[in-house]
Structure formats: C-alpha cells, structure tokens
Amino acid sequence: MEREAKLQDDLKNLIETVTKERRFHGVEITHVEWNYPVDGREADLVIFMRGEIPFMFIETKRKVGRGALFDPLDASVVGQVMSYAALWKRSHPEHEIPFVATANPESIAIFKVPKNIEEYIDRTALMKRDYRGAIKRKYLSIIENQMVGKLQRLSLTREFIDYLLDRLAEEYAGKRITKPEPSEAMIERFRGFVKTVADKCLPLLESKLKEDGIFRGEIEKLGYKAEPDVLPQTARNLARMMAYVLMNKLIFRKVLEKVTGCLRWFCSIRPRWLGSGRI
C-alpha cells in the first residue's frame, strides 16, 4: 500500500506542478483530488477542469496476487474506473467525463469515456463491486477501442506529464489522435508481459546461479558465462529468454483453444498406435 500511495502522491504533485504553468489547448486544469468520493466509493485520483468537471479519473494499483504488478488493461481495473465514471455521470447528467486511466508504477493506459457510459455498466455487478464483470460483455470490444494510443511506459517526470496532458487536451479539443494498429498495441502488451515476468524471476535466478554450482555448471554448458563479473548480465539474459519461452507457450495454447474449440478434448486424444511400437 505504501508504494501505491507514493505513486498516487507523485502523480498528484507532478500534475499540479505542470498545470500551474499553462493551459492545454484551452483546457484549464484547476486541481487534483486524492481518494475522491464517488457514490460511497473512492476514486484514487481525479483531475478536474474549471467548473468542477472531471477531466480524468485515474485508478492506480501496484500489486495483485503474490506481489506481481497488476496489468493496467486487466478487465477488473478498467471496469472499476469506468464504473466510477458512470456513477459520477449519473449524478451529473449535464456533463461528460473525457477520460479515465489505469496505472501501475511502470505503465499507464488511458481510455476515452463513452458518452452513454451508464448503458455499458452492469448494475448488479456494480452493486456487488464485481468490477471484472462491471462492463457488459457486449460492450467489452467497444471499450477496448476507446483506448487512446497504446499502453505507455509511465515516466514520473514533468516532461512526460506535460506531454500526456497536452495530448489528451488536444483530443478533448476535437483534434484526432491516430490510433495504433492492433498488431502494434498487441506487441506492446507482449513486451510488457515479458518485462514483468523477467523482472520478477531475476532475483531468484541470480541467487540460484551464485549459490548452486551444479545449476551454474549446466548453464555454462549451454554457452553462457557465469563468472562473478558477468553473472548479473547472464541472469538478465536468461530471465528474458525464459519469459519469452513462457509467453510463446501461452500464446500457442490460446491459439489451440481458438482453433480446436475444445482444448481439453484435443489433449485427451490418444492415438491407437501410441504405445504399440508402430508409427
């Protein structure tokens, strides 16, 4: 929670610093609220324009499960921040909320909010705080297409925040932002997956290489150097390689599921010749 609070605090301070100095394409950012109440819930950060109108809701998270970074494109967090936008819109029907965003310490994803966002939200799931199911299934693909640009590396600098707000204000003012090709967006997600997995595996792999002579010997047989001065770089290379292998296996499995329609049935097939010695 400390890291999450620090991320929120850093973002809030940077946004307030940058927006004191200028407007963005006529958009005046007046203030940023932390833990802003929305119908009995709290939005992590809300950026306001003049007139107390939200410019963007931001949901920040650091960890899920066993300490892993959460995916800013995960259905639960996107559903959560879209739900906050819908709840605010319900009590302020005369106003539109331009954007919502999800962020972890490394990445940020930004979405345009559909004008009829309330229609997209499953009220039953919302009341249960089941944010993974908060966006109705028939609207999921539409929400994906509302993404502004692609998943971006989050840089906690004035230059990046200035660039980001300028770009969003340009979109809000009616100037079109070119969307990335689906393949480009997918590649960015794959790269993010590999980095997250490799970063989490690296400390254990490096420790194993230092302490386990047998394991280190096997690695050297594969042509990798494991001397103390190069061991950290070898560990990084191996971690990324294993992350890519894992990603490829997962992709292959998903392709099989899509193509066969029933992976369980496909994997249960046992050829009659298996074990008979015939090929």
Protein backbone atom coordinates (compact mmCIF):
# COMPACT_ATOMS: atom_id res chain seq x y z
CA MET A 1 0.00 0.00 0.00
CA GLU A 2 2.91 2.38 0.67
CA ARG A 3 4.11 2.07 -2.93
CA GLU A 4 0.57 2.63 -4.22
CA ALA A 5 0.19 5.74 -2.04
CA LYS A 6 3.58 7.01 -3.21
CA LEU A 7 2.59 6.55 -6.85
CA GLN A 8 -0.63 8.49 -6.25
CA ASP A 9 1.22 11.23 -4.36
CA ASP A 10 3.90 11.57 -7.05
CA LEU A 11 1.31 11.75 -9.83
CA LYS A 12 -0.77 14.30 -7.93
CA ASN A 13 2.21 16.56 -7.21
CA LEU A 14 3.51 16.37 -10.79
CA ILE A 15 0.12 17.12 -12.34
CA GLU A 16 -0.44 20.08 -10.01
CA THR A 17 3.05 21.43 -10.74
CA VAL A 18 2.68 21.15 -14.51
CA THR A 19 -0.86 22.56 -14.69
CA LYS A 20 0.02 25.67 -12.67
CA GLU A 21 2.17 26.87 -15.51
CA ARG A 22 -0.19 26.79 -18.50
CA ARG A 23 -3.39 25.72 -20.15
CA PHE A 24 -3.55 22.88 -22.63
CA HIS A 25 -5.33 23.69 -25.89
CA GLY A 26 -7.74 25.88 -23.95
CA VAL A 27 -8.32 23.29 -21.22
CA GLU A 28 -7.64 24.65 -17.73
CA ILE A 29 -6.82 22.04 -15.11
CA THR A 30 -7.70 23.52 -11.72
CA HIS A 31 -6.84 20.84 -9.16
CA VAL A 32 -6.34 17.16 -8.43
CA GLU A 33 -8.28 15.26 -5.75
CA TRP A 34 -6.92 12.20 -3.93
CA ASN A 35 -9.39 9.47 -2.79
CA TYR A 36 -12.29 11.42 -4.27
CA PRO A 37 -15.70 10.15 -3.04
CA VAL A 38 -17.98 8.75 -5.76
CA ASP A 39 -21.31 7.35 -4.53
CA GLY A 40 -19.85 5.70 -1.43
CA ARG A 41 -16.62 4.66 -3.15
CA GLU A 42 -13.27 6.38 -3.60
CA ALA A 43 -11.51 7.12 -6.87
CA ASP A 44 -7.75 7.13 -6.40
CA LEU A 45 -7.12 10.36 -8.31
CA VAL A 46 -9.40 12.75 -10.16
CA ILE A 47 -8.10 15.60 -12.34
CA PHE A 48 -10.60 18.48 -12.50
CA MET A 49 -11.20 21.16 -15.12
CA ARG A 50 -12.68 24.55 -14.42
CA GLY A 51 -16.28 24.18 -13.24
CA GLU A 52 -15.50 21.16 -11.02
CA ILE A 53 -15.83 18.84 -14.01
CA PRO A 54 -13.57 15.76 -14.03
CA PHE A 55 -11.06 15.67 -16.86
CA MET A 56 -9.81 12.21 -15.94
CA PHE A 57 -10.32 9.53 -13.30
CA ILE A 58 -7.12 7.58 -12.54
CA GLU A 59 -7.06 4.21 -10.80
CA THR A 60 -3.63 3.21 -9.53
CA LYS A 61 -2.56 -0.17 -8.28
CA ARG A 62 0.74 -1.81 -7.54
CA LYS A 63 0.21 -5.46 -6.70
CA VAL A 64 -2.11 -8.35 -7.34
CA GLY A 65 -1.79 -11.87 -6.05
CA ARG A 66 1.68 -12.67 -4.77
CA GLY A 67 3.26 -9.29 -5.26
CA ALA A 68 3.01 -9.12 -9.05
CA LEU A 69 2.33 -5.83 -10.79
CA PHE A 70 -1.24 -5.60 -11.95
CA ASP A 71 -1.97 -5.22 -15.65
CA PRO A 72 -3.42 -1.75 -16.43
CA LEU A 73 -5.51 -3.42 -19.15
CA ASP A 74 -6.99 -6.02 -16.80
CA ALA A 75 -10.79 -6.18 -17.02
CA SER A 76 -11.26 -5.65 -13.28
CA VAL A 77 -9.36 -2.36 -13.03
CA VAL A 78 -10.75 -0.98 -16.30
CA GLY A 79 -14.22 -1.97 -15.09
CA GLN A 80 -13.58 -0.22 -11.79
CA VAL A 81 -12.52 3.11 -13.22
CA MET A 82 -15.28 3.05 -15.86
CA SER A 83 -17.76 2.33 -13.06
CA TYR A 84 -16.62 5.44 -11.20
CA ALA A 85 -17.13 7.50 -14.35
CA ALA A 86 -20.65 6.06 -14.74
CA LEU A 87 -21.53 6.74 -11.11
CA TRP A 88 -20.34 10.34 -11.37
CA LYS A 89 -22.19 10.83 -14.66
CA ARG A 90 -25.43 9.52 -13.13
CA SER A 91 -25.42 12.36 -10.58
CA HIS A 92 -24.14 14.95 -13.11
CA PRO A 93 -26.02 14.10 -16.34
CA GLU A 94 -25.33 17.52 -17.83
CA HIS A 95 -21.56 16.88 -18.02
CA GLU A 96 -19.29 14.46 -19.85
CA ILE A 97 -16.12 12.89 -18.46
CA PRO A 98 -13.49 12.83 -21.21
CA PHE A 99 -11.03 10.23 -19.94
CA VAL A 100 -10.20 7.52 -17.43
CA ALA A 101 -6.82 5.90 -16.84
CA THR A 102 -5.30 2.90 -15.08
CA ALA A 103 -1.69 2.88 -13.95
CA ASN A 104 0.93 0.90 -12.10
CA PRO A 105 4.46 2.21 -11.33
CA GLU A 106 5.64 1.19 -14.80
CA SER A 107 2.75 1.67 -17.25
CA ILE A 108 -0.37 3.73 -17.89
CA ALA A 109 -3.39 3.07 -20.10
CA ILE A 110 -5.87 5.82 -21.00
CA PHE A 111 -9.40 5.43 -22.35
CA LYS A 112 -11.99 7.81 -23.71
CA VAL A 113 -15.25 7.54 -21.79
CA PRO A 114 -18.29 6.76 -24.00
CA LYS A 115 -20.96 9.44 -23.73
CA ASN A 116 -23.54 6.82 -22.75
CA ILE A 117 -21.21 5.10 -20.27
CA GLU A 118 -24.09 4.28 -17.91
CA GLU A 119 -25.51 1.88 -20.51
CA TYR A 120 -22.22 -0.03 -20.57
CA ILE A 121 -22.28 -0.87 -16.86
CA ASP A 122 -23.93 -3.95 -15.35
CA ARG A 123 -25.73 -2.56 -12.31
CA THR A 124 -25.84 -5.89 -10.48
CA ALA A 125 -22.08 -6.39 -10.78
CA LEU A 126 -21.50 -2.76 -9.82
CA MET A 127 -23.55 -3.07 -6.63
CA LYS A 128 -21.58 -6.20 -5.70
CA ARG A 129 -18.32 -4.37 -6.52
CA ASP A 130 -17.58 -7.11 -9.03
CA TYR A 131 -15.60 -4.82 -11.29
CA ARG A 132 -14.37 -7.64 -13.53
CA GLY A 133 -17.99 -8.11 -14.60
CA ALA A 134 -18.96 -4.43 -14.37
CA ILE A 135 -18.74 -3.78 -18.12
CA LYS A 136 -21.42 -5.69 -20.02
CA ARG A 137 -19.91 -8.34 -22.26
CA LYS A 138 -21.42 -6.92 -25.43
CA TYR A 139 -19.58 -3.63 -24.82
CA LEU A 140 -16.12 -5.03 -23.99
CA SER A 141 -14.78 -4.70 -27.53
CA ILE A 142 -16.10 -1.13 -27.73
CA ILE A 143 -14.27 -0.21 -24.52
CA GLU A 144 -11.04 -1.68 -25.93
CA ASN A 145 -11.42 0.55 -28.97
CA GLN A 146 -11.72 3.60 -26.70
CA MET A 147 -8.07 3.29 -25.71
CA VAL A 148 -6.09 6.43 -26.52
CA GLY A 149 -2.90 5.39 -28.25
CA LYS A 150 -1.28 2.37 -26.67
CA LEU A 151 -0.15 1.15 -23.27
CA GLN A 152 2.62 3.58 -22.37
CA ARG A 153 5.62 3.40 -20.08
CA LEU A 154 4.88 5.70 -17.13
CA SER A 155 7.62 8.24 -16.51
CA LEU A 156 7.20 10.30 -13.35
CA THR A 157 8.72 13.44 -14.84
CA ARG A 158 7.34 16.88 -15.60
CA GLU A 159 8.15 16.38 -19.28
CA PHE A 160 6.09 13.22 -19.57
CA ILE A 161 3.10 14.60 -17.63
CA ASP A 162 3.18 17.77 -19.73
CA TYR A 163 3.26 15.69 -22.93
CA LEU A 164 0.43 13.46 -21.72
CA LEU A 165 -1.90 16.28 -20.70
CA ASP A 166 -1.17 18.20 -23.88
CA ARG A 167 -2.01 15.14 -25.98
CA LEU A 168 -5.25 14.45 -24.10
CA ALA A 169 -6.34 18.09 -24.19
CA GLU A 170 -5.72 18.06 -27.95
CA GLU A 171 -8.01 15.03 -28.23
CA TYR A 172 -10.60 16.70 -25.98
CA ALA A 173 -10.49 19.84 -28.10
CA GLY A 174 -11.53 17.74 -31.10
CA LYS A 175 -8.25 17.06 -32.85
CA ARG A 176 -7.96 13.44 -33.85
CA ILE A 177 -5.28 11.20 -32.34
CA THR A 178 -4.11 8.42 -34.63
CA LYS A 179 -4.76 5.05 -33.08
CA PRO A 180 -2.07 2.38 -33.23
CA GLU A 181 -2.59 -0.67 -35.40
CA PRO A 182 -3.96 -3.62 -33.38
CA SER A 183 -0.73 -5.51 -34.01
CA GLU A 184 1.33 -2.66 -32.55
CA ALA A 185 -0.83 -2.49 -29.44
CA MET A 186 -0.59 -6.27 -29.01
CA ILE A 187 3.20 -6.19 -29.33
CA GLU A 188 3.37 -3.58 -26.57
CA ARG A 189 1.33 -5.86 -24.30
CA PHE A 190 3.61 -8.80 -25.07
CA ARG A 191 6.68 -6.70 -24.27
CA GLY A 192 5.12 -5.62 -21.00
CA PHE A 193 4.37 -9.23 -20.08
CA VAL A 194 7.94 -10.32 -20.80
CA LYS A 195 9.40 -7.46 -18.76
CA THR A 196 7.14 -8.10 -15.77
CA VAL A 197 7.85 -11.85 -15.70
CA ALA A 198 11.60 -11.39 -16.25
CA ASP A 199 11.89 -8.74 -13.54
CA LYS A 200 10.11 -10.98 -11.03
CA CYS A 201 12.25 -14.03 -11.88
CA LEU A 202 15.59 -12.21 -11.94
CA PRO A 203 16.42 -12.11 -8.18
CA LEU A 204 15.72 -15.84 -7.74
CA LEU A 205 17.65 -16.77 -10.89
CA GLU A 206 20.65 -14.66 -9.92
CA SER A 207 20.67 -16.19 -6.43
CA LYS A 208 20.46 -19.69 -7.91
CA LEU A 209 23.41 -19.02 -10.20
CA LYS A 210 25.52 -17.74 -7.31
CA GLU A 211 24.71 -20.48 -4.81
CA ASP A 212 24.10 -23.63 -6.87
CA GLY A 213 27.29 -24.87 -8.52
CA ILE A 214 25.57 -27.72 -10.36
CA PHE A 215 22.98 -25.37 -11.86
CA ARG A 216 25.71 -22.89 -12.77
CA GLY A 217 27.67 -25.65 -14.49
CA GLU A 218 24.67 -26.67 -16.58
CA ILE A 219 24.20 -23.07 -17.65
CA GLU A 220 27.86 -22.84 -18.65
CA LYS A 221 27.47 -25.98 -20.75
CA LEU A 222 24.86 -24.11 -22.76
CA GLY A 223 27.47 -21.50 -23.63
CA TYR A 224 26.62 -18.84 -21.04
CA LYS A 225 29.31 -17.19 -18.94
CA ALA A 226 28.79 -17.35 -15.18
CA GLU A 227 31.87 -15.65 -13.76
CA PRO A 228 31.08 -13.17 -10.93
CA ASP A 229 31.70 -10.09 -13.09
CA VAL A 230 29.30 -11.16 -15.85
CA LEU A 231 26.82 -13.20 -13.81
CA PRO A 232 24.25 -10.36 -13.37
CA GLN A 233 24.06 -9.82 -17.16
CA THR A 234 23.80 -13.57 -17.76
CA ALA A 235 20.94 -13.76 -15.26
CA ARG A 236 19.12 -10.91 -17.02
CA ASN A 237 19.53 -12.58 -20.41
CA LEU A 238 18.27 -15.92 -19.10
CA ALA A 239 15.32 -14.32 -17.32
CA ARG A 240 14.17 -12.58 -20.51
CA MET A 241 14.70 -15.72 -22.57
CA MET A 242 12.59 -17.80 -20.17
CA ALA A 243 9.91 -15.12 -20.09
CA TYR A 244 9.73 -15.21 -23.91
CA VAL A 245 9.50 -19.01 -23.86
CA LEU A 246 6.66 -18.87 -21.33
CA MET A 247 4.84 -16.24 -23.39
CA ASN A 248 5.19 -18.32 -26.56
CA LYS A 249 3.78 -21.40 -24.81
CA LEU A 250 0.81 -19.41 -23.53
CA ILE A 251 0.15 -17.95 -26.97
CA PHE A 252 0.35 -21.40 -28.55
CA ARG A 253 -2.12 -22.75 -26.01
CA LYS A 254 -4.56 -19.90 -26.69
CA VAL A 255 -4.24 -20.50 -30.44
CA LEU A 256 -5.08 -24.17 -29.91
CA GLU A 257 -8.09 -23.21 -27.82
CA LYS A 258 -9.29 -20.92 -30.57
CA VAL A 259 -8.64 -23.31 -33.44
CA THR A 260 -9.85 -26.54 -31.86
CA GLY A 261 -12.71 -25.01 -29.90
CA CYS A 262 -12.10 -27.55 -27.15
CA LEU A 263 -8.52 -27.88 -25.97
CA ARG A 264 -9.43 -30.41 -23.29
CA TRP A 265 -10.89 -32.73 -25.91
CA PHE A 266 -7.91 -32.13 -28.21
CA CYS A 267 -5.38 -33.01 -25.49
CA SER A 268 -7.29 -36.13 -24.45
CA ILE A 269 -6.98 -37.79 -27.88
CA ARG A 270 -4.85 -40.94 -27.61
CA PRO A 271 -3.85 -42.39 -30.97
CA ARG A 272 -4.43 -46.13 -31.21
CA TRP A 273 -0.84 -46.71 -32.23
CA LEU A 274 0.55 -44.97 -29.14
CA GLY A 275 2.47 -47.50 -27.07
CA SER A 276 2.10 -50.23 -29.69
CA GLY A 277 5.56 -49.69 -31.14
CA ARG A 278 4.04 -48.70 -34.51
CA ILE A 279 4.41 -45.24 -36.01
